[in-house]
C-alpha atoms as a PDB file:
ATOM      1  CA  MET A   1       0.892  13.180   9.429  1.00  0.00           C
ATOM      2  CA  SER A   2       1.183  15.365   6.375  1.00  0.00           C
ATOM      3  CA  LYS A   3      -1.179  18.248   5.705  1.00  0.00           C
ATOM      4  CA  GLU A   4      -2.289  16.949   2.313  1.00  0.00           C
ATOM      5  CA  LYS A   5      -3.550  13.652   3.787  1.00  0.00           C
ATOM      6  CA  GLU A   6      -6.080  14.880   6.331  1.00  0.00           C
ATOM      7  CA  VAL A   7      -7.790  12.198   8.390  1.00  0.00           C
ATOM      8  CA  LEU A   8     -11.465  12.386   9.320  1.00  0.00           C
ATOM      9  CA  LEU A   9     -12.125  12.055  13.056  1.00  0.00           C
ATOM     10  CA  ASN A  10     -15.200  11.572  15.242  1.00  0.00           C
ATOM     11  CA  GLU A  11     -18.000  14.031  14.242  1.00  0.00           C
ATOM     12  CA  ASP A  12     -16.342  14.852  10.884  1.00  0.00           C
ATOM     13  CA  ILE A  13     -17.266  11.399   9.545  1.00  0.00           C
ATOM     14  CA  GLN A  14     -20.379  11.959   7.395  1.00  0.00           C
ATOM     15  CA  ALA A  15     -20.932   8.398   6.114  1.00  0.00           C
ATOM     16  CA  GLY A  16     -24.211   6.754   7.079  1.00  0.00           C
ATOM     17  CA  GLU A  17     -22.800   3.256   7.514  1.00  0.00           C
ATOM     18  CA  ILE A  18     -19.211   2.309   8.327  1.00  0.00           C
ATOM     19  CA  ARG A  19     -17.242  -0.889   8.836  1.00  0.00           C
ATOM     20  CA  CYS A  20     -15.849  -0.534  12.348  1.00  0.00           C
ATOM     21  CA  ILE A  21     -12.745  -2.124  13.857  1.00  0.00           C
ATOM     22  CA  GLY A  22     -11.631  -1.792  17.474  1.00  0.00           C
ATOM     23  CA  ASP A  23      -8.169  -0.783  18.697  1.00  0.00           C
ATOM     24  CA  ASP A  24      -7.620  -4.319  20.025  1.00  0.00           C
ATOM     25  CA  GLY A  25      -8.580  -5.873  16.658  1.00  0.00           C
ATOM     26  CA  LYS A  26     -12.197  -6.562  17.597  1.00  0.00           C
ATOM     27  CA  VAL A  27     -14.496  -6.309  14.563  1.00  0.00           C
ATOM     28  CA  TYR A  28     -17.774  -4.478  15.228  1.00  0.00           C
ATOM     29  CA  GLY A  29     -19.022  -5.066  11.671  1.00  0.00           C
ATOM     30  CA  ILE A  30     -21.115  -2.652   9.610  1.00  0.00           C
ATOM     31  CA  ILE A  31     -22.743  -0.111  11.930  1.00  0.00           C
ATOM     32  CA  SER A  32     -23.944   3.479  11.698  1.00  0.00           C
ATOM     33  CA  SER A  33     -21.343   6.212  12.205  1.00  0.00           C
ATOM     34  CA  GLU A  34     -23.305   7.481  15.260  1.00  0.00           C
ATOM     35  CA  GLU A  35     -23.108   4.028  16.847  1.00  0.00           C
ATOM     36  CA  GLY A  36     -19.356   3.868  16.129  1.00  0.00           C
ATOM     37  CA  LEU A  37     -18.913   7.285  17.711  1.00  0.00           C
ATOM     38  CA  GLU A  38     -20.843   6.123  20.807  1.00  0.00           C
ATOM     39  CA  ILE A  39     -18.565   3.096  21.199  1.00  0.00           C
ATOM     40  CA  ALA A  40     -15.446   5.276  20.786  1.00  0.00           C
ATOM     41  CA  ASN A  41     -16.714   7.783  23.382  1.00  0.00           C
ATOM     42  CA  ARG A  42     -17.550   4.973  25.819  1.00  0.00           C
ATOM     43  CA  LEU A  43     -13.966   3.633  25.480  1.00  0.00           C
ATOM     44  CA  GLY A  44     -12.465   7.150  25.672  1.00  0.00           C
ATOM     45  CA  LEU A  45     -10.925   6.845  22.205  1.00  0.00           C
ATOM     46  CA  ASP A  46     -11.374   8.432  18.760  1.00  0.00           C
ATOM     47  CA  LEU A  47     -13.224   7.139  15.709  1.00  0.00           C
ATOM     48  CA  VAL A  48     -10.780   7.499  12.788  1.00  0.00           C
ATOM     49  CA  MET A  49     -11.600   6.895   9.116  1.00  0.00           C
ATOM     50  CA  ILE A  50      -8.730   4.846   7.708  1.00  0.00           C
ATOM     51  CA  ALA A  51     -10.179   3.806   4.312  1.00  0.00           C
ATOM     52  CA  PRO A  52     -12.639   6.425   2.991  1.00  0.00           C
ATOM     53  CA  ASP A  53     -12.762   4.897  -0.516  1.00  0.00           C
ATOM     54  CA  ALA A  54     -13.990   1.465   0.628  1.00  0.00           C
ATOM     55  CA  LYS A  55     -17.681   0.495   0.420  1.00  0.00           C
ATOM     56  CA  PRO A  56     -18.688   1.036   3.205  1.00  0.00           C
ATOM     57  CA  PRO A  57     -15.862   3.261   4.549  1.00  0.00           C
ATOM     58  CA  VAL A  58     -13.610   1.599   7.144  1.00  0.00           C
ATOM     59  CA  CYS A  59     -13.158   3.282  10.525  1.00  0.00           C
ATOM     60  CA  LYS A  60     -11.004   2.290  13.459  1.00  0.00           C
ATOM     61  CA  ILE A  61     -11.471   3.083  17.113  1.00  0.00           C
ATOM     62  CA  MET A  62      -8.066   4.198  18.427  1.00  0.00           C
ATOM     63  CA  ASP A  63      -6.181   6.841  20.400  1.00  0.00           C
ATOM     64  CA  TYR A  64      -5.449   9.212  17.496  1.00  0.00           C
ATOM     65  CA  GLY A  65      -2.958  11.381  19.442  1.00  0.00           C
ATOM     66  CA  LYS A  66      -0.860   8.335  20.302  1.00  0.00           C
ATOM     67  CA  PHE A  67      -1.096   7.076  16.696  1.00  0.00           C
ATOM     68  CA  ARG A  68       0.081  10.422  15.296  1.00  0.00           C
ATOM     69  CA  TYR A  69       2.961  10.555  17.796  1.00  0.00           C
ATOM     70  CA  GLN A  70       4.128   7.077  16.748  1.00  0.00           C
ATOM     71  CA  GLN A  71       3.913   8.008  13.039  1.00  0.00           C
ATOM     72  CA  GLU A  72       6.020  11.139  13.578  1.00  0.00           C
ATOM     73  CA  LYS A  73       8.529   9.128  15.598  1.00  0.00           C
ATOM     74  CA  LYS A  74       8.857   6.599  12.747  1.00  0.00           C
ATOM     75  CA  GLN A  75       9.376   9.418  10.219  1.00  0.00           C
ATOM     76  CA  LYS A  76      12.118  11.004  12.359  1.00  0.00           C
ATOM     77  CA  GLU A  77      13.831   7.618  12.749  1.00  0.00           C
ATOM     78  CA  ALA A  78      13.727   7.051   8.972  1.00  0.00           C
ATOM     79  CA  LYS A  79      15.164  10.537   8.412  1.00  0.00           C
ATOM     80  CA  LYS A  80      18.071   9.793  10.779  1.00  0.00           C
ATOM     81  CA  LYS A  81      18.966   6.670   8.804  1.00  0.00           C
ATOM     82  CA  GLN A  82      19.030   8.555   5.480  1.00  0.00           C
ATOM     83  CA  LYS A  83      22.444   9.074   3.990  1.00  0.00           C
ATOM     84  CA  VAL A  84      23.088  12.507   2.474  1.00  0.00           C
ATOM     85  CA  ILE A  85      25.270  12.366  -0.610  1.00  0.00           C
ATOM     86  CA  ASP A  86      27.632  15.287  -0.922  1.00  0.00           C
ATOM     87  CA  VAL A  87      28.761  16.047  -4.484  1.00  0.00           C
ATOM     88  CA  LYS A  88      31.857  18.182  -4.952  1.00  0.00           C
ATOM     89  CA  GLU A  89      32.395  19.810  -8.318  1.00  0.00           C
ATOM     90  CA  ILE A  90      35.767  20.391  -9.950  1.00  0.00           C
ATOM     91  CA  LYS A  91      35.769  22.716 -12.965  1.00  0.00           C
ATOM     92  CA  LEU A  92      38.377  22.414 -15.671  1.00  0.00           C
ATOM     93  CA  SER A  93      39.096  23.903 -19.065  1.00  0.00           C
ATOM     94  CA  ILE A  94      40.578  22.217 -22.125  1.00  0.00           C
ATOM     95  CA  LYS A  95      43.685  24.430 -22.008  1.00  0.00           C
ATOM     96  CA  ILE A  96      44.686  23.352 -18.471  1.00  0.00           C
ATOM     97  CA  ALA A  97      48.353  22.735 -17.664  1.00  0.00           C
ATOM     98  CA  GLN A  98      49.543  19.369 -16.310  1.00  0.00           C
ATOM     99  CA  ASN A  99      50.518  20.757 -12.883  1.00  0.00           C
ATOM    100  CA  ASP A 100      47.000  22.249 -12.552  1.00  0.00           C
ATOM    101  CA  ILE A 101      45.508  18.856 -13.424  1.00  0.00           C
ATOM    102  CA  ASN A 102      47.692  17.241 -10.732  1.00  0.00           C
ATOM    103  CA  TYR A 103      46.530  19.836  -8.186  1.00  0.00           C
ATOM    104  CA  LYS A 104      42.829  19.287  -9.014  1.00  0.00           C
ATOM    105  CA  VAL A 105      43.246  15.493  -8.951  1.00  0.00           C
ATOM    106  CA  LYS A 106      44.878  15.789  -5.509  1.00  0.00           C
ATOM    107  CA  HIS A 107      41.785  17.641  -4.251  1.00  0.00           C
ATOM    108  CA  ALA A 108      39.488  15.109  -5.893  1.00  0.00           C
ATOM    109  CA  LEU A 109      41.304  12.273  -4.106  1.00  0.00           C
ATOM    110  CA  GLU A 110      40.864  14.117  -0.784  1.00  0.00           C
ATOM    111  CA  PHE A 111      37.123  14.449  -1.426  1.00  0.00           C
ATOM    112  CA  LEU A 112      36.855  10.774  -2.382  1.00  0.00           C
ATOM    113  CA  SER A 113      38.699   9.724   0.781  1.00  0.00           C
ATOM    114  CA  GLN A 114      36.081  11.677   2.783  1.00  0.00           C
ATOM    115  CA  GLY A 115      33.351   9.642   1.041  1.00  0.00           C
ATOM    116  CA  LYS A 116      32.105  12.436  -1.204  1.00  0.00           C
ATOM    117  CA  HIS A 117      31.153  12.116  -4.858  1.00  0.00           C
ATOM    118  CA  VAL A 118      33.122  14.232  -7.334  1.00  0.00           C
ATOM    119  CA  ARG A 119      31.835  15.739 -10.587  1.00  0.00           C
ATOM    120  CA  PHE A 120      34.439  16.857 -13.073  1.00  0.00           C
ATOM    121  CA  ARG A 121      33.195  19.549 -15.483  1.00  0.00           C
ATOM    122  CA  VAL A 122      35.154  20.710 -18.509  1.00  0.00           C
ATOM    123  CA  PHE A 123      33.825  24.092 -19.663  1.00  0.00           C
ATOM    124  CA  LEU A 124      33.959  24.651 -23.417  1.00  0.00           C
ATOM    125  CA  LYS A 125      34.484  28.253 -24.574  1.00  0.00           C
ATOM    126  CA  GLY A 126      33.888  29.654 -28.044  1.00  0.00           C
ATOM    127  CA  ARG A 127      35.432  27.467 -30.741  1.00  0.00           C
ATOM    128  CA  GLU A 128      36.122  24.677 -28.235  1.00  0.00           C
ATOM    129  CA  MET A 129      32.424  23.815 -28.695  1.00  0.00           C
ATOM    130  CA  ALA A 130      33.302  22.478 -32.154  1.00  0.00           C
ATOM    131  CA  THR A 131      35.484  19.736 -30.608  1.00  0.00           C
ATOM    132  CA  PRO A 132      33.869  18.430 -27.414  1.00  0.00           C
ATOM    133  CA  GLU A 133      35.981  15.271 -27.850  1.00  0.00           C
ATOM    134  CA  ALA A 134      38.903  17.268 -26.405  1.00  0.00           C
ATOM    135  CA  GLY A 135      36.975  17.524 -23.123  1.00  0.00           C
ATOM    136  CA  ILE A 136      36.310  13.790 -23.140  1.00  0.00           C
ATOM    137  CA  VAL A 137      40.032  13.140 -23.750  1.00  0.00           C
ATOM    138  CA  LEU A 138      40.907  15.364 -20.770  1.00  0.00           C
ATOM    139  CA  LEU A 139      38.424  13.545 -18.516  1.00  0.00           C
ATOM    140  CA  GLU A 140      39.796  10.157 -19.642  1.00  0.00           C
ATOM    141  CA  LYS A 141      43.300  11.408 -18.746  1.00  0.00           C
ATOM    142  CA  ILE A 142      42.040  12.382 -15.276  1.00  0.00           C
ATOM    143  CA  TRP A 143      40.254   9.049 -14.923  1.00  0.00           C
ATOM    144  CA  THR A 144      43.532   7.153 -15.423  1.00  0.00           C
ATOM    145  CA  MET A 145      44.990   9.151 -12.515  1.00  0.00           C
ATOM    146  CA  ILE A 146      42.165   8.372 -10.052  1.00  0.00           C
ATOM    147  CA  GLU A 147      40.808   4.974 -11.161  1.00  0.00           C
ATOM    148  CA  ASN A 148      42.536   3.149  -8.254  1.00  0.00           C
ATOM    149  CA  GLU A 149      40.678   5.274  -5.679  1.00  0.00           C
ATOM    150  CA  ALA A 150      37.291   5.732  -7.380  1.00  0.00           C
ATOM    151  CA  SER A 151      34.634   4.093  -9.486  1.00  0.00           C
ATOM    152  CA  ARG A 152      33.088   5.877 -12.441  1.00  0.00           C
ATOM    153  CA  ASP A 153      29.389   6.542 -11.878  1.00  0.00           C
ATOM    154  CA  LYS A 154      28.775   8.323 -15.193  1.00  0.00           C
ATOM    155  CA  GLU A 155      30.888   8.142 -18.312  1.00  0.00           C
ATOM    156  CA  PRO A 156      32.090  11.476 -19.731  1.00  0.00           C
ATOM    157  CA  ASN A 157      29.128  13.002 -21.557  1.00  0.00           C
ATOM    158  CA  PHE A 158      28.382  16.262 -23.333  1.00  0.00           C
ATOM    159  CA  GLU A 159      25.726  18.555 -21.769  1.00  0.00           C
ATOM    160  CA  GLY A 160      25.385  22.058 -23.159  1.00  0.00           C
ATOM    161  CA  ARG A 161      28.735  23.857 -22.786  1.00  0.00           C
ATOM    162  CA  TYR A 162      30.068  21.222 -20.390  1.00  0.00           C
ATOM    163  CA  VAL A 163      31.546  17.746 -20.609  1.00  0.00           C
ATOM    164  CA  ASN A 164      30.746  16.006 -17.298  1.00  0.00           C
ATOM    165  CA  MET A 165      31.995  12.907 -15.488  1.00  0.00           C
ATOM    166  CA  LEU A 166      30.827  11.734 -12.067  1.00  0.00           C
ATOM    167  CA  VAL A 167      33.014   9.522  -9.874  1.00  0.00           C
ATOM    168  CA  THR A 168      32.232   7.926  -6.524  1.00  0.00           C
ATOM    169  CA  PRO A 169      34.468   6.478  -3.809  1.00  0.00           C
ATOM    170  CA  LYS A 170      35.254   2.782  -4.206  1.00  0.00           C
ATOM    171  CA  LYS A 171      33.310   0.456  -1.956  1.00  0.00           C
ATOM    172  CA  VAL A 172      35.503  -0.959   0.788  1.00  0.00           C
END
């Protein structure tokens, strides 16, 4: 469990009356917290407050160590199934030669074949800032070279000194 969501256990429960539920689903009803603690001790389990905001607060009699272990196991399993997206960045300038464009496109195609996303960034220097359309034209030229292998995630757009375009591998 996370640190910010602390759970009240056994003697830490200060409420006078609680609604108590057993580990097996048995409902004990509204009882005093001392009585709930007695039942939990008799069964060798913990009294855990699961809904402190309810009126009266809801507590469950369960093996808290086992519960926490299962929660952590679920979190690890969810983390394993997460897919990490790797974004490769290719920087260009407006005054780039055609053979350099071909070289950078070749690398972009390699990245896309590996399943990585590619961000093309055209850096605008000095007076190039006056005509950001030139960067968009360059990115459109690159797009025509890679459109068979990729799908465009973001259209070319102007951000600060950069014109950016994000492409992703085509779904198979």
